[in-house]
């Protein structure tokens, strides 16, 4: 899942980004409303974390513009304003949920999970391809009942492949969903991580699951 955080307080933005990345999310940051609007229009996000008090364009107007553009990402609005009237204004502008600062990070994560569960109802708790299983709740990966230890990036790449099993996934699609906007598309990092996964997923098994289609991309065959 890819998340855009639009927050002008750098310490808060960096704290949120670090916490979300530890949970396996792909995170981009914008520090003002105009930059946030540009990123929201040019990239595909599952969820946008939006602060109300922003320079260049405030969060309420930005929320309205995002909805006018028919951008379907969920919007979780953050603000120091706790009055009911302020919450109503934010929700009426198009926000899906509203969280008052300061907040407990556990609650913040729970609200994100609750919103993302609505994206593709019903949300599975496990992804399965042949004898390969990925538990979305515990992040445990097994093949043939043997646990496979993955780094956060390897896990994110495998989850994306498994969610799209049987479909050809291009390098561009992978870079957009597994890496952030700072990713250099001219490097061979994607190939390197595909090989990491092959070594862990397919190496000791006669039946291979991950294939490269030259000139097209990759596919996880179920």
N, C-alpha and C. Protein backbone atom coordinates (compact mmCIF):
# COMPACT_ATOMS: atom_id res chain seq x y z
N UNK A 1 0.83 -1.18 0.00
CA UNK A 1 0.00 0.00 0.00
C UNK A 1 0.88 1.25 0.00
N UNK A 2 0.48 2.24 -0.80
CA UNK A 2 1.27 3.46 -0.93
C UNK A 2 0.53 4.64 -0.31
N UNK A 3 1.23 5.39 0.54
CA UNK A 3 0.61 6.47 1.30
C UNK A 3 1.36 7.78 1.04
N UNK A 4 0.59 8.86 0.88
CA UNK A 4 1.14 10.21 0.76
C UNK A 4 0.87 10.95 2.06
N UNK A 5 1.93 11.48 2.68
CA UNK A 5 1.79 12.27 3.91
C UNK A 5 2.04 13.73 3.55
N UNK A 6 1.03 14.59 3.77
CA UNK A 6 1.16 16.02 3.49
C UNK A 6 1.14 16.73 4.84
N UNK A 7 2.30 17.13 5.30
CA UNK A 7 2.49 17.67 6.64
C UNK A 7 3.66 18.64 6.61
N UNK A 8 3.45 19.90 7.05
CA UNK A 8 4.49 20.91 6.93
C UNK A 8 5.50 20.87 8.08
N UNK A 9 5.14 20.25 9.21
CA UNK A 9 6.10 20.13 10.32
C UNK A 9 7.00 18.94 10.04
N UNK A 10 8.26 19.23 9.69
CA UNK A 10 9.17 18.19 9.20
C UNK A 10 9.37 17.07 10.22
N UNK A 11 9.50 17.40 11.49
CA UNK A 11 9.72 16.36 12.50
C UNK A 11 8.54 15.40 12.56
N UNK A 12 7.33 15.95 12.51
CA UNK A 12 6.13 15.11 12.55
C UNK A 12 6.05 14.26 11.29
N UNK A 13 6.31 14.89 10.14
CA UNK A 13 6.24 14.16 8.86
C UNK A 13 7.24 13.02 8.83
N UNK A 14 8.47 13.29 9.28
CA UNK A 14 9.51 12.25 9.26
C UNK A 14 9.19 11.14 10.26
N UNK A 15 8.60 11.50 11.40
CA UNK A 15 8.20 10.50 12.40
C UNK A 15 7.12 9.59 11.83
N UNK A 16 6.12 10.18 11.18
CA UNK A 16 5.04 9.40 10.57
C UNK A 16 5.59 8.49 9.49
N UNK A 17 6.48 9.04 8.64
CA UNK A 17 7.04 8.25 7.56
C UNK A 17 7.81 7.05 8.10
N UNK A 18 8.64 7.29 9.11
CA UNK A 18 9.44 6.20 9.68
C UNK A 18 8.54 5.11 10.26
N UNK A 19 7.50 5.53 10.99
CA UNK A 19 6.59 4.55 11.58
C UNK A 19 5.82 3.76 10.54
N UNK A 20 5.37 4.42 9.48
CA UNK A 20 4.62 3.73 8.43
C UNK A 20 5.51 2.77 7.65
N UNK A 21 6.76 3.19 7.39
CA UNK A 21 7.68 2.31 6.65
C UNK A 21 8.00 1.06 7.47
N UNK A 22 8.07 1.20 8.79
CA UNK A 22 8.31 0.04 9.64
C UNK A 22 7.15 -0.95 9.57
N UNK A 23 5.96 -0.45 9.21
CA UNK A 23 4.79 -1.31 9.07
C UNK A 23 4.66 -1.88 7.65
N UNK A 24 5.62 -1.52 6.78
CA UNK A 24 5.63 -2.08 5.43
C UNK A 24 4.96 -1.22 4.37
N UNK A 25 4.53 0.00 4.73
CA UNK A 25 3.90 0.88 3.74
C UNK A 25 4.97 1.63 2.93
N UNK A 26 4.62 1.99 1.69
CA UNK A 26 5.46 2.85 0.86
C UNK A 26 4.99 4.28 1.08
N UNK A 27 5.91 5.19 1.42
CA UNK A 27 5.51 6.52 1.88
C UNK A 27 6.22 7.63 1.11
N UNK A 28 5.44 8.60 0.61
CA UNK A 28 5.98 9.84 0.05
C UNK A 28 5.55 10.98 0.96
N UNK A 29 6.35 12.07 0.97
CA UNK A 29 6.05 13.22 1.83
C UNK A 29 6.00 14.50 1.00
N UNK A 30 5.04 15.35 1.32
CA UNK A 30 4.98 16.71 0.80
C UNK A 30 4.89 17.65 1.99
N UNK A 31 5.61 18.79 1.92
CA UNK A 31 5.66 19.71 3.06
C UNK A 31 4.77 20.93 2.89
N UNK A 32 4.06 21.04 1.78
CA UNK A 32 3.09 22.13 1.61
C UNK A 32 1.95 21.65 0.72
N UNK A 33 0.87 22.45 0.67
CA UNK A 33 -0.32 22.04 -0.04
C UNK A 33 -0.13 21.90 -1.54
N UNK A 34 0.63 22.81 -2.13
CA UNK A 34 0.82 22.76 -3.58
C UNK A 34 1.60 21.51 -4.00
N UNK A 35 2.66 21.21 -3.26
CA UNK A 35 3.44 20.00 -3.56
C UNK A 35 2.57 18.76 -3.35
N UNK A 36 1.77 18.78 -2.29
CA UNK A 36 0.88 17.65 -2.03
C UNK A 36 -0.13 17.45 -3.14
N UNK A 37 -0.68 18.54 -3.65
CA UNK A 37 -1.64 18.48 -4.75
C UNK A 37 -0.99 17.89 -6.00
N UNK A 38 0.23 18.33 -6.29
CA UNK A 38 0.96 17.83 -7.46
C UNK A 38 1.20 16.32 -7.34
N UNK A 39 1.67 15.88 -6.18
CA UNK A 39 1.95 14.45 -6.01
C UNK A 39 0.67 13.63 -6.06
N UNK A 40 -0.39 14.12 -5.46
CA UNK A 40 -1.67 13.40 -5.46
C UNK A 40 -2.21 13.22 -6.87
N UNK A 41 -1.96 14.22 -7.73
CA UNK A 41 -2.44 14.15 -9.12
C UNK A 41 -1.59 13.25 -9.99
N UNK A 42 -0.29 13.20 -9.71
CA UNK A 42 0.63 12.52 -10.63
C UNK A 42 0.98 11.09 -10.20
N UNK A 43 0.61 10.69 -8.99
CA UNK A 43 0.91 9.33 -8.52
C UNK A 43 -0.36 8.67 -8.01
N UNK A 44 -0.32 7.35 -7.95
CA UNK A 44 -1.47 6.59 -7.46
C UNK A 44 -1.24 6.21 -6.01
N UNK A 45 -2.07 6.74 -5.12
CA UNK A 45 -1.95 6.44 -3.70
C UNK A 45 -3.20 5.72 -3.20
N UNK A 46 -2.98 4.86 -2.20
CA UNK A 46 -4.11 4.20 -1.56
C UNK A 46 -4.72 5.08 -0.48
N UNK A 47 -3.88 5.91 0.15
CA UNK A 47 -4.35 6.76 1.24
C UNK A 47 -3.50 8.01 1.33
N UNK A 48 -4.14 9.12 1.71
CA UNK A 48 -3.44 10.39 1.91
C UNK A 48 -3.65 10.85 3.34
N UNK A 49 -2.55 11.10 4.05
CA UNK A 49 -2.61 11.68 5.39
C UNK A 49 -2.43 13.18 5.21
N UNK A 50 -3.43 13.95 5.58
CA UNK A 50 -3.47 15.37 5.22
C UNK A 50 -3.63 16.25 6.45
N UNK A 51 -2.63 17.11 6.68
CA UNK A 51 -2.72 18.09 7.76
C UNK A 51 -3.60 19.26 7.30
N UNK A 52 -4.33 19.87 8.23
CA UNK A 52 -5.21 20.98 7.87
C UNK A 52 -4.42 22.27 7.67
N UNK A 53 -3.52 22.58 8.59
CA UNK A 53 -2.78 23.84 8.53
C UNK A 53 -1.52 23.67 7.69
N UNK A 54 -1.61 24.06 6.41
CA UNK A 54 -0.49 23.90 5.48
C UNK A 54 -0.18 25.22 4.80
N UNK A 55 1.11 25.47 4.48
CA UNK A 55 1.45 26.65 3.67
C UNK A 55 1.07 26.44 2.21
N UNK A 56 0.86 27.53 1.50
CA UNK A 56 0.58 27.58 0.05
C UNK A 56 -0.84 27.12 -0.32
N UNK A 57 -1.35 26.09 0.34
CA UNK A 57 -2.75 25.69 0.15
C UNK A 57 -3.17 24.91 1.40
N UNK A 58 -4.20 25.38 2.09
CA UNK A 58 -4.59 24.71 3.33
C UNK A 58 -5.23 23.36 3.05
N UNK A 59 -5.30 22.52 4.09
CA UNK A 59 -5.75 21.16 3.92
C UNK A 59 -7.20 21.03 3.48
N UNK A 60 -8.07 21.95 3.92
CA UNK A 60 -9.48 21.88 3.55
C UNK A 60 -9.65 22.11 2.04
N UNK A 61 -9.02 23.16 1.54
CA UNK A 61 -9.11 23.44 0.10
C UNK A 61 -8.43 22.36 -0.72
N UNK A 62 -7.31 21.84 -0.20
CA UNK A 62 -6.61 20.76 -0.91
C UNK A 62 -7.48 19.52 -0.97
N UNK A 63 -8.16 19.21 0.12
CA UNK A 63 -9.05 18.05 0.15
C UNK A 63 -10.15 18.21 -0.90
N UNK A 64 -10.73 19.40 -0.99
CA UNK A 64 -11.78 19.65 -1.99
C UNK A 64 -11.24 19.47 -3.41
N UNK A 65 -10.03 20.00 -3.67
CA UNK A 65 -9.45 19.90 -5.01
C UNK A 65 -9.15 18.44 -5.37
N UNK A 66 -8.67 17.67 -4.38
CA UNK A 66 -8.40 16.24 -4.63
C UNK A 66 -9.68 15.53 -5.03
N UNK A 67 -10.77 15.83 -4.33
CA UNK A 67 -12.05 15.19 -4.67
C UNK A 67 -12.59 15.69 -6.01
N UNK A 68 -12.37 16.95 -6.33
CA UNK A 68 -12.79 17.47 -7.63
C UNK A 68 -12.06 16.78 -8.77
N UNK A 69 -10.82 16.36 -8.50
CA UNK A 69 -10.02 15.66 -9.51
C UNK A 69 -10.41 14.18 -9.60
N UNK A 70 -11.40 13.76 -8.80
CA UNK A 70 -11.88 12.36 -8.78
C UNK A 70 -10.78 11.39 -8.34
N UNK A 71 -9.86 11.88 -7.50
CA UNK A 71 -8.82 11.01 -6.93
C UNK A 71 -9.46 10.17 -5.83
N UNK A 72 -9.35 8.86 -5.94
CA UNK A 72 -10.13 7.97 -5.08
C UNK A 72 -9.42 7.58 -3.78
N UNK A 73 -8.19 8.04 -3.56
CA UNK A 73 -7.46 7.67 -2.35
C UNK A 73 -8.24 8.08 -1.10
N UNK A 74 -8.20 7.24 -0.07
CA UNK A 74 -8.79 7.63 1.20
C UNK A 74 -8.00 8.81 1.78
N UNK A 75 -8.69 9.68 2.50
CA UNK A 75 -8.03 10.84 3.12
C UNK A 75 -8.26 10.80 4.62
N UNK A 76 -7.15 10.74 5.37
CA UNK A 76 -7.18 10.84 6.82
C UNK A 76 -6.65 12.21 7.19
N UNK A 77 -7.51 13.06 7.74
CA UNK A 77 -7.14 14.44 8.03
C UNK A 77 -6.59 14.57 9.44
N UNK A 78 -5.49 15.31 9.58
CA UNK A 78 -4.87 15.56 10.88
C UNK A 78 -4.99 17.04 11.22
N UNK A 79 -5.32 17.35 12.48
CA UNK A 79 -5.41 18.75 12.86
C UNK A 79 -5.33 18.90 14.37
N UNK A 80 -4.91 20.08 14.81
CA UNK A 80 -4.89 20.39 16.23
C UNK A 80 -6.26 20.89 16.68
N UNK A 81 -7.16 21.13 15.74
CA UNK A 81 -8.49 21.63 16.07
C UNK A 81 -9.40 20.46 16.46
N UNK A 82 -9.98 20.55 17.65
CA UNK A 82 -10.80 19.44 18.15
C UNK A 82 -12.29 19.73 18.15
N UNK A 83 -12.70 20.96 17.77
CA UNK A 83 -14.11 21.33 17.78
C UNK A 83 -14.88 20.49 16.77
N UNK A 84 -16.11 20.14 17.12
CA UNK A 84 -16.96 19.34 16.24
C UNK A 84 -17.14 20.05 14.89
N UNK A 85 -17.32 21.38 14.92
CA UNK A 85 -17.53 22.14 13.69
C UNK A 85 -16.37 21.96 12.73
N UNK A 86 -15.13 21.96 13.25
CA UNK A 86 -13.94 21.80 12.40
C UNK A 86 -13.91 20.41 11.77
N UNK A 87 -14.30 19.39 12.55
CA UNK A 87 -14.34 18.03 12.02
C UNK A 87 -15.38 17.90 10.92
N UNK A 88 -16.54 18.53 11.13
CA UNK A 88 -17.60 18.48 10.13
C UNK A 88 -17.14 19.13 8.83
N UNK A 89 -16.45 20.27 8.93
CA UNK A 89 -15.95 20.95 7.73
C UNK A 89 -14.99 20.04 6.97
N UNK A 90 -14.09 19.37 7.69
CA UNK A 90 -13.13 18.47 7.04
C UNK A 90 -13.80 17.30 6.37
N UNK A 91 -14.76 16.69 7.05
CA UNK A 91 -15.47 15.54 6.48
C UNK A 91 -16.32 15.96 5.29
N UNK A 92 -16.95 17.12 5.38
CA UNK A 92 -17.76 17.62 4.26
C UNK A 92 -16.90 17.98 3.05
N UNK A 93 -15.62 18.30 3.31
CA UNK A 93 -14.71 18.63 2.20
C UNK A 93 -14.28 17.39 1.44
N UNK A 94 -14.52 16.20 2.04
CA UNK A 94 -14.17 14.96 1.33
C UNK A 94 -13.28 14.02 2.10
N UNK A 95 -12.91 14.38 3.34
CA UNK A 95 -12.07 13.48 4.14
C UNK A 95 -12.87 12.26 4.56
N UNK A 96 -12.18 11.13 4.72
CA UNK A 96 -12.83 9.89 5.14
C UNK A 96 -12.76 9.68 6.65
N UNK A 97 -11.77 10.30 7.28
CA UNK A 97 -11.63 10.18 8.73
C UNK A 97 -10.85 11.39 9.22
N UNK A 98 -10.88 11.60 10.54
CA UNK A 98 -10.35 12.83 11.14
C UNK A 98 -9.68 12.46 12.44
N UNK A 99 -8.42 12.87 12.63
CA UNK A 99 -7.68 12.55 13.84
C UNK A 99 -7.08 13.83 14.42
N UNK A 100 -7.31 14.05 15.71
CA UNK A 100 -6.85 15.27 16.36
C UNK A 100 -5.46 15.09 16.94
N UNK A 101 -4.58 16.06 16.72
CA UNK A 101 -3.25 16.07 17.32
C UNK A 101 -3.35 16.57 18.75
N UNK A 102 -2.48 16.08 19.65
CA UNK A 102 -1.56 14.95 19.46
C UNK A 102 -2.33 13.64 19.50
N UNK A 103 -1.79 12.62 18.85
CA UNK A 103 -2.47 11.34 18.78
C UNK A 103 -1.50 10.21 19.12
N UNK A 104 -2.07 9.10 19.57
CA UNK A 104 -1.27 7.90 19.82
C UNK A 104 -1.02 7.22 18.48
N UNK A 105 0.22 6.83 18.22
CA UNK A 105 0.55 6.25 16.92
C UNK A 105 -0.20 4.94 16.68
N UNK A 106 -0.50 4.20 17.75
CA UNK A 106 -1.27 2.96 17.61
C UNK A 106 -2.65 3.25 17.04
N UNK A 107 -3.28 4.32 17.53
CA UNK A 107 -4.61 4.69 17.02
C UNK A 107 -4.50 5.15 15.57
N UNK A 108 -3.46 5.90 15.26
CA UNK A 108 -3.21 6.36 13.90
C UNK A 108 -3.11 5.17 12.94
N UNK A 109 -2.34 4.15 13.31
CA UNK A 109 -2.20 2.96 12.48
C UNK A 109 -3.53 2.21 12.36
N UNK A 110 -4.26 2.13 13.46
CA UNK A 110 -5.55 1.43 13.44
C UNK A 110 -6.53 2.12 12.50
N UNK A 111 -6.54 3.44 12.49
CA UNK A 111 -7.44 4.17 11.59
C UNK A 111 -7.04 3.96 10.12
N UNK A 112 -5.75 3.90 9.85
CA UNK A 112 -5.27 3.64 8.50
C UNK A 112 -5.70 2.24 8.06
N UNK A 113 -5.50 1.26 8.93
CA UNK A 113 -5.90 -0.11 8.59
C UNK A 113 -7.41 -0.19 8.33
N UNK A 114 -8.19 0.52 9.16
CA UNK A 114 -9.65 0.49 8.99
C UNK A 114 -10.05 1.09 7.65
N UNK A 115 -9.40 2.18 7.24
CA UNK A 115 -9.73 2.78 5.95
C UNK A 115 -9.32 1.89 4.80
N UNK A 116 -8.11 1.32 4.88
CA UNK A 116 -7.62 0.49 3.78
C UNK A 116 -8.40 -0.81 3.64
N UNK A 117 -9.01 -1.27 4.73
CA UNK A 117 -9.84 -2.48 4.64
C UNK A 117 -11.04 -2.26 3.73
N UNK A 118 -11.45 -1.01 3.59
CA UNK A 118 -12.60 -0.70 2.76
C UNK A 118 -12.28 -0.73 1.27
N UNK A 119 -10.98 -0.74 0.96
CA UNK A 119 -10.56 -0.59 -0.44
C UNK A 119 -11.00 -1.75 -1.31
N UNK A 120 -10.78 -2.96 -0.88
CA UNK A 120 -11.12 -4.14 -1.66
C UNK A 120 -11.84 -5.15 -0.78
N UNK A 121 -13.04 -4.81 -0.37
CA UNK A 121 -13.78 -5.70 0.50
C UNK A 121 -14.15 -7.00 -0.21
N UNK A 122 -14.11 -8.17 0.43
CA UNK A 122 -13.52 -8.34 1.76
C UNK A 122 -12.01 -8.48 1.68
N UNK A 123 -11.29 -7.86 2.59
CA UNK A 123 -9.83 -7.92 2.61
C UNK A 123 -9.36 -9.27 3.14
N UNK A 124 -8.57 -10.02 2.38
CA UNK A 124 -8.10 -11.32 2.87
C UNK A 124 -7.06 -11.14 3.97
N UNK A 125 -6.91 -12.16 4.78
CA UNK A 125 -5.87 -12.13 5.81
C UNK A 125 -4.63 -12.90 5.34
N UNK A 126 -4.80 -13.71 4.28
CA UNK A 126 -3.68 -14.46 3.73
C UNK A 126 -3.72 -14.42 2.21
N UNK A 127 -2.53 -14.41 1.61
CA UNK A 127 -2.40 -14.57 0.18
C UNK A 127 -1.75 -15.93 -0.07
N UNK A 128 -2.28 -16.68 -1.04
CA UNK A 128 -1.78 -18.03 -1.29
C UNK A 128 -1.53 -18.22 -2.78
N UNK A 129 -0.37 -18.78 -3.11
CA UNK A 129 -0.03 -19.17 -4.47
C UNK A 129 0.66 -20.52 -4.40
N UNK A 130 -0.03 -21.57 -4.90
CA UNK A 130 0.47 -22.94 -4.74
C UNK A 130 0.70 -23.22 -3.26
N UNK A 131 1.93 -23.60 -2.87
CA UNK A 131 2.21 -23.88 -1.46
C UNK A 131 2.88 -22.70 -0.76
N UNK A 132 2.85 -21.53 -1.41
CA UNK A 132 3.41 -20.30 -0.83
C UNK A 132 2.29 -19.53 -0.13
N UNK A 133 2.51 -19.17 1.13
CA UNK A 133 1.51 -18.42 1.89
C UNK A 133 2.14 -17.17 2.50
N UNK A 134 1.38 -16.07 2.43
CA UNK A 134 1.81 -14.81 3.03
C UNK A 134 0.70 -14.34 3.95
N UNK A 135 1.00 -14.22 5.23
CA UNK A 135 0.02 -13.78 6.23
C UNK A 135 0.09 -12.26 6.34
N UNK A 136 -1.00 -11.59 5.96
CA UNK A 136 -1.02 -10.12 5.94
C UNK A 136 -1.08 -9.52 7.34
N UNK A 137 -1.46 -10.30 8.33
CA UNK A 137 -1.55 -9.79 9.69
C UNK A 137 -0.22 -9.90 10.43
N UNK A 138 0.43 -11.05 10.29
CA UNK A 138 1.69 -11.29 11.02
C UNK A 138 2.93 -11.05 10.16
N UNK A 139 2.72 -10.90 8.83
CA UNK A 139 3.82 -10.76 7.86
C UNK A 139 4.68 -12.02 7.79
N UNK A 140 4.13 -13.15 8.23
CA UNK A 140 4.85 -14.41 8.16
C UNK A 140 4.69 -15.02 6.76
N UNK A 141 5.79 -15.47 6.17
CA UNK A 141 5.78 -16.08 4.84
C UNK A 141 6.27 -17.51 4.96
N UNK A 142 5.52 -18.45 4.38
CA UNK A 142 5.93 -19.85 4.42
C UNK A 142 5.76 -20.47 3.03
N UNK A 143 6.60 -21.46 2.75
CA UNK A 143 6.39 -22.28 1.55
C UNK A 143 6.61 -23.73 1.95
N UNK A 144 5.60 -24.54 1.70
CA UNK A 144 5.67 -25.93 2.13
C UNK A 144 5.85 -26.05 3.62
N UNK A 145 5.19 -25.15 4.38
CA UNK A 145 5.23 -25.13 5.85
C UNK A 145 6.59 -24.72 6.43
N UNK A 146 7.51 -24.28 5.56
CA UNK A 146 8.81 -23.79 6.03
C UNK A 146 8.81 -22.27 5.99
N UNK A 147 9.11 -21.65 7.13
CA UNK A 147 9.09 -20.19 7.20
C UNK A 147 10.24 -19.58 6.41
N UNK A 148 9.93 -18.49 5.70
CA UNK A 148 10.92 -17.77 4.89
C UNK A 148 11.07 -16.37 5.48
N UNK A 149 12.27 -15.99 5.84
CA UNK A 149 12.52 -14.68 6.43
C UNK A 149 12.84 -13.68 5.33
N UNK A 150 12.08 -12.57 5.31
CA UNK A 150 12.24 -11.55 4.28
C UNK A 150 12.49 -10.19 4.92
N UNK A 151 13.22 -9.34 4.21
CA UNK A 151 13.35 -7.95 4.64
C UNK A 151 12.03 -7.24 4.33
N UNK A 152 11.87 -6.03 4.85
CA UNK A 152 10.64 -5.27 4.60
C UNK A 152 10.41 -5.05 3.11
N UNK A 153 11.46 -4.74 2.37
CA UNK A 153 11.31 -4.48 0.94
C UNK A 153 11.01 -5.76 0.18
N UNK A 154 11.65 -6.85 0.55
CA UNK A 154 11.35 -8.14 -0.08
C UNK A 154 9.90 -8.54 0.17
N UNK A 155 9.44 -8.31 1.40
CA UNK A 155 8.06 -8.63 1.75
C UNK A 155 7.09 -7.79 0.90
N UNK A 156 7.35 -6.48 0.80
CA UNK A 156 6.48 -5.59 0.03
C UNK A 156 6.41 -6.02 -1.44
N UNK A 157 7.55 -6.41 -1.99
CA UNK A 157 7.61 -6.85 -3.39
C UNK A 157 6.84 -8.16 -3.56
N UNK A 158 7.03 -9.10 -2.65
CA UNK A 158 6.32 -10.37 -2.75
C UNK A 158 4.81 -10.16 -2.59
N UNK A 159 4.41 -9.33 -1.66
CA UNK A 159 2.97 -9.06 -1.47
C UNK A 159 2.37 -8.49 -2.76
N UNK A 160 3.07 -7.57 -3.40
CA UNK A 160 2.55 -6.98 -4.64
C UNK A 160 2.44 -8.03 -5.74
N UNK A 161 3.45 -8.89 -5.85
CA UNK A 161 3.40 -9.96 -6.85
C UNK A 161 2.25 -10.93 -6.57
N UNK A 162 2.06 -11.27 -5.29
CA UNK A 162 1.01 -12.23 -4.94
C UNK A 162 -0.39 -11.64 -5.11
N UNK A 163 -0.53 -10.35 -4.82
CA UNK A 163 -1.83 -9.70 -5.03
C UNK A 163 -2.19 -9.66 -6.51
N UNK A 164 -1.17 -9.75 -7.35
CA UNK A 164 -1.39 -9.69 -8.80
C UNK A 164 -0.95 -10.98 -9.48
N UNK A 165 -1.06 -12.10 -8.76
CA UNK A 165 -0.64 -13.40 -9.29
C UNK A 165 -1.33 -13.69 -10.62
N UNK A 166 -0.53 -14.18 -11.59
CA UNK A 166 -1.06 -14.48 -12.90
C UNK A 166 -1.08 -13.31 -13.85
N UNK A 167 -0.70 -12.12 -13.36
CA UNK A 167 -0.68 -10.90 -14.17
C UNK A 167 0.75 -10.44 -14.38
N UNK A 168 1.07 -10.01 -15.59
CA UNK A 168 2.41 -9.48 -15.86
C UNK A 168 2.55 -8.13 -15.18
N UNK A 169 3.60 -7.99 -14.37
CA UNK A 169 3.86 -6.76 -13.63
C UNK A 169 5.11 -6.10 -14.21
N UNK A 170 4.97 -4.88 -14.70
CA UNK A 170 6.10 -4.18 -15.31
C UNK A 170 6.99 -3.55 -14.24
N UNK A 171 8.19 -3.17 -14.65
CA UNK A 171 9.12 -2.49 -13.73
C UNK A 171 8.51 -1.18 -13.24
N UNK A 172 7.82 -0.47 -14.14
CA UNK A 172 7.19 0.80 -13.75
C UNK A 172 6.14 0.57 -12.67
N UNK A 173 5.32 -0.46 -12.83
CA UNK A 173 4.30 -0.77 -11.83
C UNK A 173 4.94 -1.09 -10.48
N UNK A 174 6.02 -1.85 -10.51
CA UNK A 174 6.71 -2.21 -9.26
C UNK A 174 7.30 -0.96 -8.61
N UNK A 175 7.95 -0.11 -9.40
CA UNK A 175 8.57 1.09 -8.83
C UNK A 175 7.53 2.01 -8.21
N UNK A 176 6.32 2.06 -8.79
CA UNK A 176 5.27 2.93 -8.27
C UNK A 176 4.63 2.40 -7.00
N UNK A 177 4.58 1.07 -6.84
CA UNK A 177 3.87 0.49 -5.72
C UNK A 177 4.76 -0.03 -4.60
N UNK A 178 6.04 -0.25 -4.89
CA UNK A 178 6.93 -0.84 -3.89
C UNK A 178 8.02 0.13 -3.45
N UNK A 179 8.36 1.10 -4.32
CA UNK A 179 9.36 2.11 -3.97
C UNK A 179 8.69 3.48 -3.93
N UNK A 180 9.38 4.49 -3.38
CA UNK A 180 8.79 5.82 -3.30
C UNK A 180 9.23 6.67 -4.48
N UNK A 181 8.87 7.98 -4.46
CA UNK A 181 9.11 8.86 -5.60
C UNK A 181 10.59 9.12 -5.84
N UNK A 182 11.44 8.83 -4.86
CA UNK A 182 12.88 9.06 -5.02
C UNK A 182 13.60 7.90 -5.70
N UNK A 183 12.84 6.87 -6.09
CA UNK A 183 13.45 5.70 -6.71
C UNK A 183 14.00 6.03 -8.09
N UNK A 184 15.22 5.58 -8.35
CA UNK A 184 15.87 5.79 -9.64
C UNK A 184 15.50 4.63 -10.57
N UNK A 185 14.65 4.89 -11.55
CA UNK A 185 14.15 3.83 -12.43
C UNK A 185 15.22 3.29 -13.37
N UNK A 186 16.37 3.94 -13.44
CA UNK A 186 17.43 3.49 -14.34
C UNK A 186 18.40 2.52 -13.67
N UNK A 187 18.18 2.22 -12.39
CA UNK A 187 19.04 1.27 -11.70
C UNK A 187 18.50 -0.15 -11.90
N UNK A 188 19.30 -1.14 -11.47
CA UNK A 188 18.86 -2.55 -11.58
C UNK A 188 18.36 -3.08 -10.24
N UNK A 189 17.95 -2.17 -9.36
CA UNK A 189 17.54 -2.57 -8.02
C UNK A 189 16.37 -3.55 -8.06
N UNK A 190 15.40 -3.33 -8.94
CA UNK A 190 14.26 -4.23 -9.02
C UNK A 190 14.71 -5.64 -9.39
N UNK A 191 15.60 -5.75 -10.38
CA UNK A 191 16.13 -7.07 -10.77
C UNK A 191 16.83 -7.74 -9.59
N UNK A 192 17.57 -6.93 -8.83
CA UNK A 192 18.30 -7.47 -7.68
C UNK A 192 17.32 -8.06 -6.66
N UNK A 193 16.24 -7.32 -6.37
CA UNK A 193 15.28 -7.79 -5.37
C UNK A 193 14.46 -8.97 -5.89
N UNK A 194 14.19 -9.01 -7.18
CA UNK A 194 13.53 -10.19 -7.75
C UNK A 194 14.40 -11.42 -7.55
N UNK A 195 15.71 -11.26 -7.77
CA UNK A 195 16.64 -12.38 -7.56
C UNK A 195 16.72 -12.78 -6.08
N UNK A 196 16.68 -11.78 -5.18
CA UNK A 196 16.64 -12.10 -3.75
C UNK A 196 15.44 -12.99 -3.44
N UNK A 197 14.27 -12.60 -3.98
CA UNK A 197 13.06 -13.37 -3.74
C UNK A 197 13.16 -14.77 -4.33
N UNK A 198 13.68 -14.86 -5.57
CA UNK A 198 13.82 -16.18 -6.19
C UNK A 198 14.68 -17.11 -5.33
N UNK A 199 15.78 -16.57 -4.82
CA UNK A 199 16.68 -17.38 -4.01
C UNK A 199 16.00 -17.89 -2.74
N UNK A 200 15.07 -17.08 -2.20
CA UNK A 200 14.40 -17.47 -0.96
C UNK A 200 13.12 -18.27 -1.21
N UNK A 201 12.43 -17.95 -2.31
CA UNK A 201 11.12 -18.58 -2.57
C UNK A 201 11.25 -19.84 -3.42
N UNK A 202 12.07 -19.79 -4.47
CA UNK A 202 12.10 -20.86 -5.48
C UNK A 202 13.31 -21.79 -5.40
N UNK A 203 14.37 -21.35 -4.75
CA UNK A 203 15.67 -22.04 -4.86
C UNK A 203 15.59 -23.54 -4.54
N UNK A 204 14.92 -23.90 -3.46
CA UNK A 204 14.89 -25.31 -3.03
C UNK A 204 13.64 -26.04 -3.50
N UNK A 205 12.96 -25.50 -4.49
CA UNK A 205 11.70 -26.11 -4.94
C UNK A 205 11.74 -26.40 -6.44
N UNK A 206 11.25 -27.58 -6.79
CA UNK A 206 11.23 -27.97 -8.20
C UNK A 206 10.31 -27.07 -9.01
N UNK A 207 9.14 -26.75 -8.44
CA UNK A 207 8.20 -25.89 -9.14
C UNK A 207 8.53 -24.43 -8.84
N UNK A 208 8.87 -23.67 -9.86
CA UNK A 208 9.20 -22.26 -9.71
C UNK A 208 7.94 -21.41 -9.81
N UNK A 209 7.91 -20.31 -9.07
CA UNK A 209 6.73 -19.44 -9.06
C UNK A 209 6.99 -18.08 -9.70
N UNK A 210 8.21 -17.57 -9.59
CA UNK A 210 8.51 -16.22 -10.08
C UNK A 210 9.26 -16.30 -11.41
N UNK A 211 8.72 -15.66 -12.43
CA UNK A 211 9.30 -15.71 -13.78
C UNK A 211 9.54 -14.30 -14.31
N UNK A 212 10.61 -14.18 -15.12
CA UNK A 212 10.90 -12.95 -15.84
C UNK A 212 10.44 -13.10 -17.28
N UNK A 213 9.70 -12.13 -17.77
CA UNK A 213 9.28 -12.11 -19.17
C UNK A 213 10.06 -11.00 -19.85
N UNK A 214 11.03 -11.36 -20.65
CA UNK A 214 11.95 -10.39 -21.23
C UNK A 214 11.20 -9.30 -21.99
N UNK A 215 11.56 -8.06 -21.68
CA UNK A 215 10.95 -6.92 -22.35
C UNK A 215 9.57 -6.55 -21.84
N UNK A 216 9.04 -7.35 -20.90
CA UNK A 216 7.69 -7.08 -20.40
C UNK A 216 7.68 -6.85 -18.89
N UNK A 217 8.30 -7.74 -18.13
CA UNK A 217 8.28 -7.59 -16.67
C UNK A 217 8.39 -8.91 -15.97
N UNK A 218 7.58 -9.09 -14.93
CA UNK A 218 7.65 -10.29 -14.10
C UNK A 218 6.25 -10.82 -13.84
N UNK A 219 6.18 -12.10 -13.50
CA UNK A 219 4.89 -12.70 -13.18
C UNK A 219 5.07 -13.77 -12.11
N UNK A 220 4.15 -13.81 -11.18
CA UNK A 220 4.12 -14.90 -10.21
C UNK A 220 2.99 -15.81 -10.66
N UNK A 221 3.36 -17.01 -11.08
CA UNK A 221 2.39 -17.94 -11.63
C UNK A 221 1.79 -18.81 -10.55
N UNK A 222 0.48 -18.83 -10.51
CA UNK A 222 -0.25 -19.58 -9.48
C UNK A 222 -0.77 -20.87 -10.13
